[in-house]
Amino acid sequence: MNYTHSDFYTLFETLEILYLVVLSVIILLGITGNGLVIWFVLFRMKKMVNFVWFLSLALADFTFCLILSLTVTERTLGYWPFGTFMCKVNLLALYLNMSASVLQLTVISIDRCISVVFPVWCRNHRTPRLAIKVVLAVWIVSFLFNIPYFINSNVVIFNKFMYCVVDWSLEDLPGGSAQTTNCLLETEVIATNKRCSSTPEGSVPVTWPPP
């Protein structure tokens, strides 16, 4: 079956629209749902250990959904409009809240296990103060592990448009940073599908699947 570049760009554009719609629905449901959970925990729940777990987890997911809206804006516009500092904050916050959420789910599972296996110990030592210390440790560990995203993310100019990328290349290698950045930019441009209109369409047939 023969395809042209025009067919592939049409497919990319359709998938991009679908991606943005699904992502927007997830953000809307995430902000609404976690907002209700935060309200319920703060005003309807007793200040016990589970109060600490659920509040911290809901805050992590709520913040993640808020920050994710910046990604929707970027993909809709086809470039990053918020500047260097927000680029760094955006990527740090995304991965910080994501990892903190996963770690807190792990902590909750361990807490449930300990409550069943060592009920006497839990009755004497499982306190909200200890839970707060554990939650703070989770957030600190998550922050430390994700600092590289803040350090290595930056905005670069490509075809007069600004993009937010993370450069994991080794600076000591000749041309390493430039090659990696160019690769990331090409991927970003293809993903957003906003700056490909200069490519001639329908001129080169592409065969798929390959022979």
N, C-alpha and C. Protein backbone atom coordinates (compact mmCIF):
# COMPACT_ATOMS: atom_id res chain seq x y z
N MET A 1 0.85 -1.19 0.00
CA MET A 1 0.00 0.00 0.00
C MET A 1 0.89 1.24 0.00
N ASN A 2 0.58 2.20 -0.89
CA ASN A 2 1.39 3.40 -1.01
C ASN A 2 0.76 4.57 -0.26
N TYR A 3 1.62 5.30 0.45
CA TYR A 3 1.19 6.49 1.16
C TYR A 3 2.07 7.65 0.72
N THR A 4 1.57 8.86 0.82
CA THR A 4 2.36 10.05 0.54
C THR A 4 2.61 10.79 1.85
N HIS A 5 3.52 11.77 1.78
CA HIS A 5 3.78 12.59 2.95
C HIS A 5 2.50 13.30 3.40
N SER A 6 1.68 13.66 2.44
CA SER A 6 0.41 14.31 2.78
C SER A 6 -0.45 13.42 3.65
N ASP A 7 -0.47 12.13 3.34
CA ASP A 7 -1.26 11.19 4.14
C ASP A 7 -0.74 11.10 5.57
N PHE A 8 0.58 11.06 5.71
CA PHE A 8 1.17 10.95 7.04
C PHE A 8 0.93 12.22 7.86
N TYR A 9 1.03 13.39 7.23
CA TYR A 9 0.78 14.63 7.96
C TYR A 9 -0.68 14.72 8.39
N THR A 10 -1.58 14.25 7.54
CA THR A 10 -3.00 14.22 7.91
C THR A 10 -3.23 13.31 9.10
N LEU A 11 -2.56 12.15 9.08
CA LEU A 11 -2.67 11.21 10.20
C LEU A 11 -2.12 11.82 11.48
N PHE A 12 -0.95 12.47 11.39
CA PHE A 12 -0.35 13.11 12.56
C PHE A 12 -1.28 14.18 13.12
N GLU A 13 -1.88 14.96 12.24
CA GLU A 13 -2.76 16.03 12.69
C GLU A 13 -4.00 15.47 13.39
N THR A 14 -4.55 14.40 12.84
CA THR A 14 -5.72 13.77 13.46
C THR A 14 -5.38 13.21 14.84
N LEU A 15 -4.25 12.52 14.93
CA LEU A 15 -3.83 11.96 16.21
C LEU A 15 -3.52 13.05 17.22
N GLU A 16 -2.96 14.17 16.75
CA GLU A 16 -2.66 15.28 17.65
C GLU A 16 -3.94 15.88 18.24
N ILE A 17 -4.95 16.05 17.39
CA ILE A 17 -6.23 16.59 17.88
C ILE A 17 -6.85 15.64 18.89
N LEU A 18 -6.82 14.34 18.57
CA LEU A 18 -7.36 13.34 19.50
C LEU A 18 -6.61 13.36 20.82
N TYR A 19 -5.29 13.48 20.74
CA TYR A 19 -4.45 13.54 21.94
C TYR A 19 -4.82 14.74 22.81
N LEU A 20 -5.00 15.89 22.19
CA LEU A 20 -5.33 17.10 22.95
C LEU A 20 -6.72 17.01 23.58
N VAL A 21 -7.66 16.41 22.86
CA VAL A 21 -9.02 16.26 23.41
C VAL A 21 -9.00 15.35 24.63
N VAL A 22 -8.33 14.19 24.50
CA VAL A 22 -8.25 13.24 25.61
C VAL A 22 -7.53 13.86 26.80
N LEU A 23 -6.42 14.56 26.52
CA LEU A 23 -5.66 15.19 27.59
C LEU A 23 -6.47 16.27 28.30
N SER A 24 -7.24 17.03 27.55
CA SER A 24 -8.08 18.08 28.15
C SER A 24 -9.15 17.47 29.04
N VAL A 25 -9.75 16.37 28.60
CA VAL A 25 -10.77 15.69 29.42
C VAL A 25 -10.15 15.17 30.72
N ILE A 26 -8.94 14.58 30.60
CA ILE A 26 -8.24 14.07 31.79
C ILE A 26 -7.96 15.20 32.77
N ILE A 27 -7.50 16.34 32.25
CA ILE A 27 -7.20 17.49 33.12
C ILE A 27 -8.46 17.99 33.81
N LEU A 28 -9.54 18.12 33.05
CA LEU A 28 -10.80 18.60 33.62
C LEU A 28 -11.31 17.67 34.73
N LEU A 29 -11.31 16.37 34.44
CA LEU A 29 -11.78 15.40 35.43
C LEU A 29 -10.83 15.34 36.63
N GLY A 30 -9.51 15.44 36.35
CA GLY A 30 -8.52 15.38 37.43
C GLY A 30 -8.62 16.56 38.38
N ILE A 31 -8.75 17.76 37.82
CA ILE A 31 -8.87 18.96 38.66
C ILE A 31 -10.17 18.92 39.47
N THR A 32 -11.27 18.55 38.81
CA THR A 32 -12.56 18.50 39.51
C THR A 32 -12.57 17.42 40.59
N GLY A 33 -12.14 16.22 40.21
CA GLY A 33 -12.17 15.09 41.15
C GLY A 33 -11.26 15.30 42.34
N ASN A 34 -10.02 15.70 42.07
CA ASN A 34 -9.08 15.90 43.18
C ASN A 34 -9.43 17.12 44.01
N GLY A 35 -10.05 18.13 43.37
CA GLY A 35 -10.52 19.28 44.14
C GLY A 35 -11.60 18.88 45.13
N LEU A 36 -12.51 18.00 44.70
CA LEU A 36 -13.56 17.51 45.61
C LEU A 36 -12.96 16.67 46.73
N VAL A 37 -11.95 15.86 46.38
CA VAL A 37 -11.29 15.04 47.41
C VAL A 37 -10.62 15.93 48.45
N ILE A 38 -9.93 16.98 48.00
CA ILE A 38 -9.26 17.90 48.93
C ILE A 38 -10.29 18.56 49.85
N TRP A 39 -11.42 19.00 49.27
CA TRP A 39 -12.47 19.62 50.08
C TRP A 39 -13.01 18.64 51.12
N PHE A 40 -13.27 17.41 50.67
CA PHE A 40 -13.83 16.40 51.58
C PHE A 40 -12.85 16.08 52.71
N VAL A 41 -11.56 15.92 52.35
CA VAL A 41 -10.56 15.57 53.37
C VAL A 41 -10.40 16.70 54.38
N LEU A 42 -10.40 17.94 53.92
CA LEU A 42 -10.18 19.07 54.81
C LEU A 42 -11.37 19.33 55.74
N PHE A 43 -12.58 19.13 55.24
CA PHE A 43 -13.75 19.57 56.01
C PHE A 43 -14.63 18.43 56.52
N ARG A 44 -14.42 17.21 56.03
CA ARG A 44 -15.30 16.12 56.42
C ARG A 44 -14.58 14.94 57.05
N MET A 45 -13.29 14.96 57.05
CA MET A 45 -12.53 13.80 57.50
C MET A 45 -11.81 14.10 58.81
N LYS A 46 -11.76 13.12 59.69
CA LYS A 46 -11.06 13.28 60.95
C LYS A 46 -9.56 13.40 60.71
N LYS A 47 -8.89 14.19 61.54
CA LYS A 47 -7.46 14.44 61.38
C LYS A 47 -6.65 13.26 61.91
N MET A 48 -6.74 12.16 61.16
CA MET A 48 -6.02 10.95 61.52
C MET A 48 -4.95 10.67 60.47
N VAL A 49 -4.35 9.47 60.52
CA VAL A 49 -3.28 9.12 59.58
C VAL A 49 -3.78 9.14 58.14
N ASN A 50 -4.96 8.57 57.90
CA ASN A 50 -5.50 8.55 56.54
C ASN A 50 -5.75 9.95 56.00
N PHE A 51 -6.05 10.89 56.89
CA PHE A 51 -6.20 12.29 56.49
C PHE A 51 -4.93 12.80 55.83
N VAL A 52 -3.78 12.48 56.41
CA VAL A 52 -2.49 12.91 55.87
C VAL A 52 -2.23 12.26 54.52
N TRP A 53 -2.46 10.94 54.43
CA TRP A 53 -2.21 10.22 53.17
C TRP A 53 -3.05 10.81 52.04
N PHE A 54 -4.36 10.89 52.25
CA PHE A 54 -5.27 11.29 51.18
C PHE A 54 -5.08 12.75 50.78
N LEU A 55 -4.81 13.62 51.75
CA LEU A 55 -4.61 15.03 51.42
C LEU A 55 -3.36 15.22 50.58
N SER A 56 -2.27 14.60 50.97
CA SER A 56 -1.02 14.74 50.21
C SER A 56 -1.15 14.15 48.81
N LEU A 57 -1.79 12.99 48.70
CA LEU A 57 -1.96 12.35 47.40
C LEU A 57 -2.86 13.18 46.49
N ALA A 58 -3.94 13.71 47.04
CA ALA A 58 -4.85 14.53 46.24
C ALA A 58 -4.18 15.83 45.79
N LEU A 59 -3.37 16.43 46.66
CA LEU A 59 -2.64 17.65 46.28
C LEU A 59 -1.65 17.37 45.16
N ALA A 60 -0.97 16.23 45.22
CA ALA A 60 -0.01 15.87 44.17
C ALA A 60 -0.72 15.71 42.83
N ASP A 61 -1.83 14.99 42.82
CA ASP A 61 -2.57 14.76 41.57
C ASP A 61 -3.22 16.04 41.06
N PHE A 62 -3.73 16.86 41.98
CA PHE A 62 -4.35 18.13 41.59
C PHE A 62 -3.33 19.06 40.94
N THR A 63 -2.16 19.18 41.55
CA THR A 63 -1.10 20.03 41.00
C THR A 63 -0.61 19.49 39.66
N PHE A 64 -0.51 18.17 39.54
CA PHE A 64 -0.08 17.56 38.28
C PHE A 64 -1.04 17.93 37.15
N CYS A 65 -2.33 17.88 37.41
CA CYS A 65 -3.32 18.22 36.39
C CYS A 65 -3.24 19.70 36.01
N LEU A 66 -3.02 20.56 37.00
CA LEU A 66 -2.87 21.99 36.70
C LEU A 66 -1.67 22.26 35.80
N ILE A 67 -0.54 21.66 36.14
CA ILE A 67 0.67 21.87 35.35
C ILE A 67 0.52 21.26 33.96
N LEU A 68 -0.22 20.17 33.87
CA LEU A 68 -0.41 19.50 32.58
C LEU A 68 -1.13 20.40 31.58
N SER A 69 -1.88 21.37 32.08
CA SER A 69 -2.57 22.30 31.19
C SER A 69 -1.58 23.13 30.38
N LEU A 70 -0.38 23.35 30.91
CA LEU A 70 0.65 24.06 30.15
C LEU A 70 1.08 23.25 28.94
N THR A 71 1.12 21.94 29.09
CA THR A 71 1.47 21.07 27.97
C THR A 71 0.41 21.15 26.87
N VAL A 72 -0.85 21.20 27.26
CA VAL A 72 -1.93 21.33 26.28
C VAL A 72 -1.78 22.65 25.52
N THR A 73 -1.47 23.72 26.24
CA THR A 73 -1.27 25.02 25.60
C THR A 73 -0.12 24.97 24.61
N GLU A 74 0.98 24.34 25.01
CA GLU A 74 2.14 24.23 24.13
C GLU A 74 1.80 23.45 22.87
N ARG A 75 1.14 22.31 23.03
CA ARG A 75 0.82 21.48 21.87
C ARG A 75 -0.21 22.15 20.97
N THR A 76 -1.10 22.94 21.54
CA THR A 76 -2.10 23.65 20.74
C THR A 76 -1.46 24.75 19.91
N LEU A 77 -0.58 25.52 20.53
CA LEU A 77 0.08 26.62 19.82
C LEU A 77 1.17 26.13 18.88
N GLY A 78 1.80 25.00 19.24
CA GLY A 78 2.90 24.49 18.43
C GLY A 78 4.26 25.00 18.87
N TYR A 79 4.30 25.76 19.96
CA TYR A 79 5.58 26.24 20.50
C TYR A 79 5.38 26.56 21.98
N TRP A 80 6.49 26.83 22.68
CA TRP A 80 6.43 27.12 24.11
C TRP A 80 6.39 28.63 24.32
N PRO A 81 5.30 29.20 24.88
CA PRO A 81 5.17 30.65 24.99
C PRO A 81 5.50 31.23 26.36
N PHE A 82 5.93 30.41 27.32
CA PHE A 82 5.98 30.85 28.72
C PHE A 82 7.37 31.22 29.22
N GLY A 83 8.41 31.10 28.40
CA GLY A 83 9.74 31.51 28.83
C GLY A 83 10.55 30.41 29.49
N THR A 84 11.82 30.74 29.79
CA THR A 84 12.77 29.75 30.29
C THR A 84 12.41 29.25 31.69
N PHE A 85 12.12 30.18 32.60
CA PHE A 85 11.87 29.77 33.98
C PHE A 85 10.66 28.85 34.08
N MET A 86 9.58 29.19 33.39
CA MET A 86 8.39 28.35 33.43
C MET A 86 8.62 27.01 32.74
N CYS A 87 9.52 26.98 31.77
CA CYS A 87 9.89 25.71 31.15
C CYS A 87 10.51 24.78 32.19
N LYS A 88 11.43 25.32 32.96
CA LYS A 88 12.07 24.52 34.01
C LYS A 88 11.07 24.10 35.09
N VAL A 89 10.25 25.06 35.51
CA VAL A 89 9.25 24.77 36.55
C VAL A 89 8.24 23.74 36.06
N ASN A 90 7.84 23.86 34.81
CA ASN A 90 6.85 22.95 34.24
C ASN A 90 7.33 21.50 34.28
N LEU A 91 8.53 21.26 33.78
CA LEU A 91 9.04 19.89 33.74
C LEU A 91 9.34 19.36 35.14
N LEU A 92 9.90 20.22 36.00
CA LEU A 92 10.16 19.79 37.38
C LEU A 92 8.85 19.42 38.08
N ALA A 93 7.84 20.27 37.95
CA ALA A 93 6.56 20.03 38.63
C ALA A 93 5.87 18.78 38.10
N LEU A 94 5.93 18.57 36.79
CA LEU A 94 5.29 17.38 36.22
C LEU A 94 5.86 16.10 36.82
N TYR A 95 7.18 15.98 36.77
CA TYR A 95 7.81 14.75 37.24
C TYR A 95 7.85 14.67 38.76
N LEU A 96 7.93 15.81 39.43
CA LEU A 96 7.90 15.82 40.89
C LEU A 96 6.56 15.28 41.41
N ASN A 97 5.47 15.82 40.90
CA ASN A 97 4.15 15.38 41.37
C ASN A 97 3.84 13.95 40.94
N MET A 98 4.31 13.57 39.77
CA MET A 98 4.08 12.20 39.31
C MET A 98 4.82 11.20 40.20
N SER A 99 6.10 11.45 40.47
CA SER A 99 6.87 10.53 41.31
C SER A 99 6.39 10.56 42.76
N ALA A 100 6.01 11.74 43.27
CA ALA A 100 5.49 11.84 44.63
C ALA A 100 4.19 11.06 44.77
N SER A 101 3.36 11.11 43.74
CA SER A 101 2.10 10.36 43.77
C SER A 101 2.34 8.86 43.81
N VAL A 102 3.28 8.39 42.99
CA VAL A 102 3.59 6.96 42.97
C VAL A 102 4.18 6.51 44.31
N LEU A 103 5.11 7.30 44.85
CA LEU A 103 5.72 6.95 46.13
C LEU A 103 4.70 6.94 47.26
N GLN A 104 3.76 7.87 47.22
CA GLN A 104 2.75 7.91 48.27
C GLN A 104 1.80 6.71 48.19
N LEU A 105 1.49 6.26 46.99
CA LEU A 105 0.70 5.04 46.85
C LEU A 105 1.46 3.84 47.42
N THR A 106 2.77 3.84 47.21
CA THR A 106 3.60 2.78 47.79
C THR A 106 3.58 2.84 49.32
N VAL A 107 3.70 4.05 49.85
CA VAL A 107 3.67 4.23 51.31
C VAL A 107 2.33 3.78 51.89
N ILE A 108 1.24 4.13 51.22
CA ILE A 108 -0.09 3.71 51.70
C ILE A 108 -0.21 2.20 51.70
N SER A 109 0.33 1.54 50.67
CA SER A 109 0.29 0.07 50.62
C SER A 109 1.10 -0.54 51.76
N ILE A 110 2.28 0.03 52.01
CA ILE A 110 3.12 -0.46 53.12
C ILE A 110 2.41 -0.23 54.46
N ASP A 111 1.78 0.92 54.59
CA ASP A 111 1.05 1.23 55.82
C ASP A 111 -0.07 0.23 56.06
N ARG A 112 -0.80 -0.13 55.02
CA ARG A 112 -1.88 -1.11 55.16
C ARG A 112 -1.32 -2.47 55.57
N CYS A 113 -0.19 -2.83 54.96
CA CYS A 113 0.43 -4.12 55.28
C CYS A 113 0.89 -4.16 56.74
N ILE A 114 1.55 -3.09 57.19
CA ILE A 114 2.03 -3.04 58.57
C ILE A 114 0.86 -3.06 59.55
N SER A 115 -0.23 -2.39 59.19
CA SER A 115 -1.40 -2.36 60.08
C SER A 115 -1.98 -3.75 60.29
N VAL A 116 -1.88 -4.59 59.27
CA VAL A 116 -2.42 -5.96 59.38
C VAL A 116 -1.44 -6.88 60.09
N VAL A 117 -0.16 -6.76 59.75
CA VAL A 117 0.85 -7.68 60.28
C VAL A 117 1.25 -7.32 61.71
N PHE A 118 1.34 -6.01 62.00
CA PHE A 118 1.77 -5.57 63.34
C PHE A 118 0.72 -4.64 63.95
N PRO A 119 -0.44 -5.15 64.28
CA PRO A 119 -1.51 -4.28 64.79
C PRO A 119 -1.18 -3.61 66.13
N VAL A 120 -0.48 -4.32 67.00
CA VAL A 120 -0.14 -3.74 68.31
C VAL A 120 0.82 -2.57 68.16
N TRP A 121 1.83 -2.75 67.33
CA TRP A 121 2.80 -1.67 67.09
C TRP A 121 2.09 -0.46 66.49
N CYS A 122 1.20 -0.70 65.54
CA CYS A 122 0.49 0.41 64.90
C CYS A 122 -0.38 1.17 65.89
N ARG A 123 -0.98 0.45 66.81
CA ARG A 123 -1.85 1.10 67.78
C ARG A 123 -1.07 2.08 68.66
N ASN A 124 0.22 1.79 68.87
CA ASN A 124 1.03 2.63 69.75
C ASN A 124 1.87 3.67 69.00
N HIS A 125 2.19 3.40 67.74
CA HIS A 125 3.14 4.27 67.04
C HIS A 125 2.59 4.91 65.76
N ARG A 126 1.50 4.40 65.24
CA ARG A 126 0.95 4.94 63.98
C ARG A 126 0.15 6.20 64.28
N THR A 127 0.83 7.33 64.18
CA THR A 127 0.24 8.62 64.55
C THR A 127 0.25 9.58 63.36
N PRO A 128 -0.61 10.59 63.37
CA PRO A 128 -0.58 11.60 62.31
C PRO A 128 0.77 12.31 62.21
N ARG A 129 1.43 12.52 63.34
CA ARG A 129 2.75 13.18 63.31
C ARG A 129 3.76 12.35 62.53
N LEU A 130 3.76 11.02 62.74
CA LEU A 130 4.65 10.15 61.99
C LEU A 130 4.28 10.16 60.51
N ALA A 131 3.00 10.17 60.21
CA ALA A 131 2.55 10.21 58.82
C ALA A 131 3.02 11.48 58.12
N ILE A 132 2.96 12.60 58.83
CA ILE A 132 3.43 13.87 58.25
C ILE A 132 4.92 13.79 57.95
N LYS A 133 5.70 13.20 58.84
CA LYS A 133 7.14 13.05 58.61
C LYS A 133 7.41 12.19 57.38
N VAL A 134 6.64 11.11 57.24
CA VAL A 134 6.82 10.23 56.08
C VAL A 134 6.47 10.96 54.79
N VAL A 135 5.38 11.71 54.81
CA VAL A 135 4.96 12.46 53.62
C VAL A 135 6.01 13.51 53.24
N LEU A 136 6.54 14.20 54.23
CA LEU A 136 7.60 15.18 53.96
C LEU A 136 8.82 14.51 53.35
N ALA A 137 9.17 13.33 53.86
CA ALA A 137 10.31 12.58 53.31
C ALA A 137 10.05 12.19 51.86
N VAL A 138 8.82 11.78 51.57
CA VAL A 138 8.45 11.41 50.19
C VAL A 138 8.62 12.60 49.25
N TRP A 139 8.14 13.76 49.66
CA TRP A 139 8.25 14.95 48.80
C TRP A 139 9.70 15.39 48.64
N ILE A 140 10.49 15.30 49.70
CA ILE A 140 11.90 15.68 49.60
C ILE A 140 12.65 14.75 48.67
N VAL A 141 12.44 13.44 48.82
CA VAL A 141 13.10 12.47 47.94
C VAL A 141 12.68 12.68 46.49
N SER A 142 11.39 12.91 46.26
CA SER A 142 10.91 13.14 44.90
C SER A 142 11.54 14.40 44.31
N PHE A 143 11.65 15.44 45.12
CA PHE A 143 12.26 16.68 44.64
C PHE A 143 13.72 16.47 44.27
N LEU A 144 14.47 15.79 45.12
CA LEU A 144 15.89 15.56 44.87
C LEU A 144 16.10 14.73 43.61
N PHE A 145 15.27 13.72 43.41
CA PHE A 145 15.42 12.86 42.24
C PHE A 145 15.08 13.59 40.95
N ASN A 146 14.26 14.63 41.02
CA ASN A 146 13.81 15.31 39.80
C ASN A 146 14.48 16.65 39.57
N ILE A 147 15.43 17.03 40.42
CA ILE A 147 16.19 18.26 40.19
C ILE A 147 16.86 18.28 38.81
N PRO A 148 17.39 17.14 38.30
CA PRO A 148 18.00 17.17 36.96
C PRO A 148 17.08 17.71 35.87
N TYR A 149 15.77 17.53 36.00
CA TYR A 149 14.86 18.08 35.00
C TYR A 149 14.89 19.61 35.03
N PHE A 150 14.99 20.18 36.22
CA PHE A 150 15.07 21.64 36.33
C PHE A 150 16.39 22.16 35.78
N ILE A 151 17.47 21.43 36.04
CA ILE A 151 18.79 21.87 35.62
C ILE A 151 18.97 21.75 34.10
N ASN A 152 18.51 20.64 33.52
CA ASN A 152 18.80 20.35 32.12
C ASN A 152 17.74 20.83 31.14
N SER A 153 16.60 21.31 31.63
CA SER A 153 15.58 21.82 30.71
C SER A 153 15.89 23.26 30.34
N ASN A 154 15.52 23.63 29.13
CA ASN A 154 15.79 24.98 28.65
C ASN A 154 14.92 25.25 27.42
N VAL A 155 14.81 26.50 27.05
CA VAL A 155 14.11 26.84 25.82
C VAL A 155 15.14 27.11 24.73
N VAL A 156 14.83 26.68 23.53
CA VAL A 156 15.70 26.91 22.39
C VAL A 156 14.85 27.46 21.24
N ILE A 157 15.50 28.20 20.37
CA ILE A 157 14.82 28.80 19.23
C ILE A 157 15.07 27.94 18.00
N PHE A 158 13.99 27.56 17.35
CA PHE A 158 14.09 26.73 16.15
C PHE A 158 13.06 27.24 15.15
N ASN A 159 13.55 27.67 13.97
CA ASN A 159 12.66 28.24 12.95
C ASN A 159 11.82 29.40 13.51
N LYS A 160 12.47 30.24 14.32
CA LYS A 160 11.86 31.44 14.91
C LYS A 160 10.82 31.13 15.98
N PHE A 161 10.73 29.88 16.38
CA PHE A 161 9.78 29.52 17.43
C PHE A 161 10.53 28.95 18.63
N MET A 162 9.96 29.14 19.80
CA MET A 162 10.61 28.72 21.04
C MET A 162 10.03 27.39 21.50
N TYR A 163 10.94 26.47 21.90
CA TYR A 163 10.53 25.15 22.35
C TYR A 163 11.17 24.84 23.70
N CYS A 164 10.44 24.14 24.53
CA CYS A 164 10.93 23.72 25.85
C CYS A 164 11.39 22.28 25.74
N VAL A 165 12.69 22.04 25.94
CA VAL A 165 13.24 20.70 25.79
C VAL A 165 14.14 20.37 26.97
N VAL A 166 14.40 19.08 27.14
CA VAL A 166 15.36 18.60 28.14
C VAL A 166 16.54 18.02 27.39
N ASP A 167 17.72 18.50 27.69
CA ASP A 167 18.94 18.06 27.01
C ASP A 167 19.75 17.20 27.96
N TRP A 168 19.73 15.87 27.73
CA TRP A 168 20.48 14.95 28.59
C TRP A 168 21.86 14.63 28.00
N SER A 169 22.28 15.35 26.99
CA SER A 169 23.55 15.03 26.34
C SER A 169 24.72 15.32 27.26
N LEU A 170 25.85 14.70 26.93
CA LEU A 170 27.09 14.93 27.67
C LEU A 170 27.79 16.13 27.06
N GLU A 171 27.91 17.20 27.83
CA GLU A 171 28.51 18.43 27.30
C GLU A 171 29.96 18.24 26.89
N ASP A 172 30.65 17.29 27.51
CA ASP A 172 32.07 17.11 27.23
C ASP A 172 32.30 16.46 25.86
N LEU A 173 31.29 15.81 25.30
CA LEU A 173 31.46 15.18 24.00
C LEU A 173 31.30 16.23 22.90
N PRO A 174 32.22 16.25 21.91
CA PRO A 174 32.13 17.25 20.85
C PRO A 174 30.80 17.15 20.11
N GLY A 175 30.06 18.25 20.09
CA GLY A 175 28.81 18.29 19.35
C GLY A 175 27.68 17.54 20.00
N GLY A 176 27.91 16.98 21.17
CA GLY A 176 26.88 16.16 21.80
C GLY A 176 25.62 16.93 22.10
N SER A 177 25.78 18.11 22.70
CA SER A 177 24.62 18.89 23.09
C SER A 177 23.83 19.36 21.88
N ALA A 178 24.54 19.85 20.86
CA ALA A 178 23.86 20.36 19.68
C ALA A 178 23.10 19.25 18.96
N GLN A 179 23.72 18.06 18.84
CA GLN A 179 23.06 16.96 18.15
C GLN A 179 21.81 16.52 18.89
N THR A 180 21.92 16.42 20.21
CA THR A 180 20.76 15.99 20.99
C THR A 180 19.65 17.02 20.92
N THR A 181 20.01 18.31 21.02
CA THR A 181 19.01 19.36 20.97
C THR A 181 18.30 19.37 19.62
N ASN A 182 19.06 19.22 18.53
CA ASN A 182 18.45 19.19 17.21
C ASN A 182 17.48 18.03 17.08
N CYS A 183 17.88 16.87 17.61
CA CYS A 183 17.02 15.70 17.56
C CYS A 183 15.73 15.94 18.34
N LEU A 184 15.85 16.53 19.52
CA LEU A 184 14.67 16.83 20.33
C LEU A 184 13.76 17.83 19.64
N LEU A 185 14.37 18.82 18.99
CA LEU A 185 13.57 19.83 18.31
C LEU A 185 12.82 19.24 17.13
N GLU A 186 13.50 18.39 16.35
CA GLU A 186 12.83 17.76 15.22
C GLU A 186 11.65 16.92 15.70
N THR A 187 11.85 16.20 16.80
CA THR A 187 10.76 15.40 17.36
C THR A 187 9.61 16.28 17.82
N GLU A 188 9.94 17.41 18.45
CA GLU A 188 8.91 18.33 18.95
C GLU A 188 8.12 18.93 17.80
N VAL A 189 8.80 19.31 16.73
CA VAL A 189 8.12 19.91 15.59
C VAL A 189 7.18 18.91 14.94
N ILE A 190 7.66 17.66 14.79
CA ILE A 190 6.81 16.63 14.20
C ILE A 190 5.60 16.36 15.09
N ALA A 191 5.84 16.32 16.40
CA ALA A 191 4.76 16.01 17.34
C ALA A 191 3.68 17.08 17.31
N THR A 192 4.08 18.35 17.29
CA THR A 192 3.09 19.42 17.29
C THR A 192 2.46 19.58 15.92
N ASN A 193 3.24 19.22 14.86
CA ASN A 193 2.71 19.26 13.49
C ASN A 193 2.21 20.65 13.12
N LYS A 194 2.88 21.69 13.63
CA LYS A 194 2.43 23.05 13.35
C LYS A 194 3.36 23.77 12.37
N ARG A 195 4.57 23.26 12.21
CA ARG A 195 5.54 23.99 11.40
C ARG A 195 6.02 23.16 10.22
N CYS A 196 5.19 22.21 9.79
CA CYS A 196 5.62 21.32 8.70
C CYS A 196 5.00 21.72 7.37
N SER A 197 4.31 22.84 7.35
CA SER A 197 3.60 23.22 6.13
C SER A 197 4.54 23.57 4.99
N SER A 198 5.82 23.86 5.30
CA SER A 198 6.76 24.21 4.24
C SER A 198 7.24 22.98 3.48
N THR A 199 6.96 21.78 4.00
CA THR A 199 7.38 20.56 3.34
C THR A 199 6.45 20.27 2.17
N PRO A 200 6.98 20.02 0.97
CA PRO A 200 6.13 19.71 -0.17
C PRO A 200 5.26 18.50 0.13
N GLU A 201 4.00 18.61 -0.19
CA GLU A 201 3.08 17.53 0.08
C GLU A 201 2.77 16.75 -1.20
N GLY A 202 2.61 15.45 -1.03
CA GLY A 202 2.18 14.61 -2.12
C GLY A 202 3.22 14.38 -3.19
N SER A 203 4.48 14.73 -2.92
CA SER A 203 5.50 14.64 -3.96
C SER A 203 6.27 13.34 -3.92
N VAL A 204 6.43 12.76 -2.73
CA VAL A 204 7.24 11.55 -2.60
C VAL A 204 6.38 10.43 -2.06
N PRO A 205 6.17 9.34 -2.80
CA PRO A 205 5.38 8.24 -2.27
C PRO A 205 6.16 7.47 -1.22
N VAL A 206 5.49 7.02 -0.19
CA VAL A 206 6.09 6.23 0.87
C VAL A 206 5.38 4.89 0.93
N THR A 207 6.11 3.82 0.91
CA THR A 207 5.53 2.49 0.93
C THR A 207 5.46 1.96 2.34
N TRP A 208 4.28 1.49 2.73
CA TRP A 208 4.10 0.91 4.06
C TRP A 208 3.15 -0.27 3.98
N PRO A 209 3.48 -1.39 4.59
CA PRO A 209 4.72 -1.66 5.32
C PRO A 209 5.91 -1.80 4.38
N PRO A 210 7.13 -1.64 4.90
CA PRO A 210 8.32 -1.75 4.05
C PRO A 210 8.46 -3.16 3.51
N PRO A 211 9.06 -3.33 2.35
CA PRO A 211 9.23 -4.68 1.78
C PRO A 211 10.14 -5.53 2.64
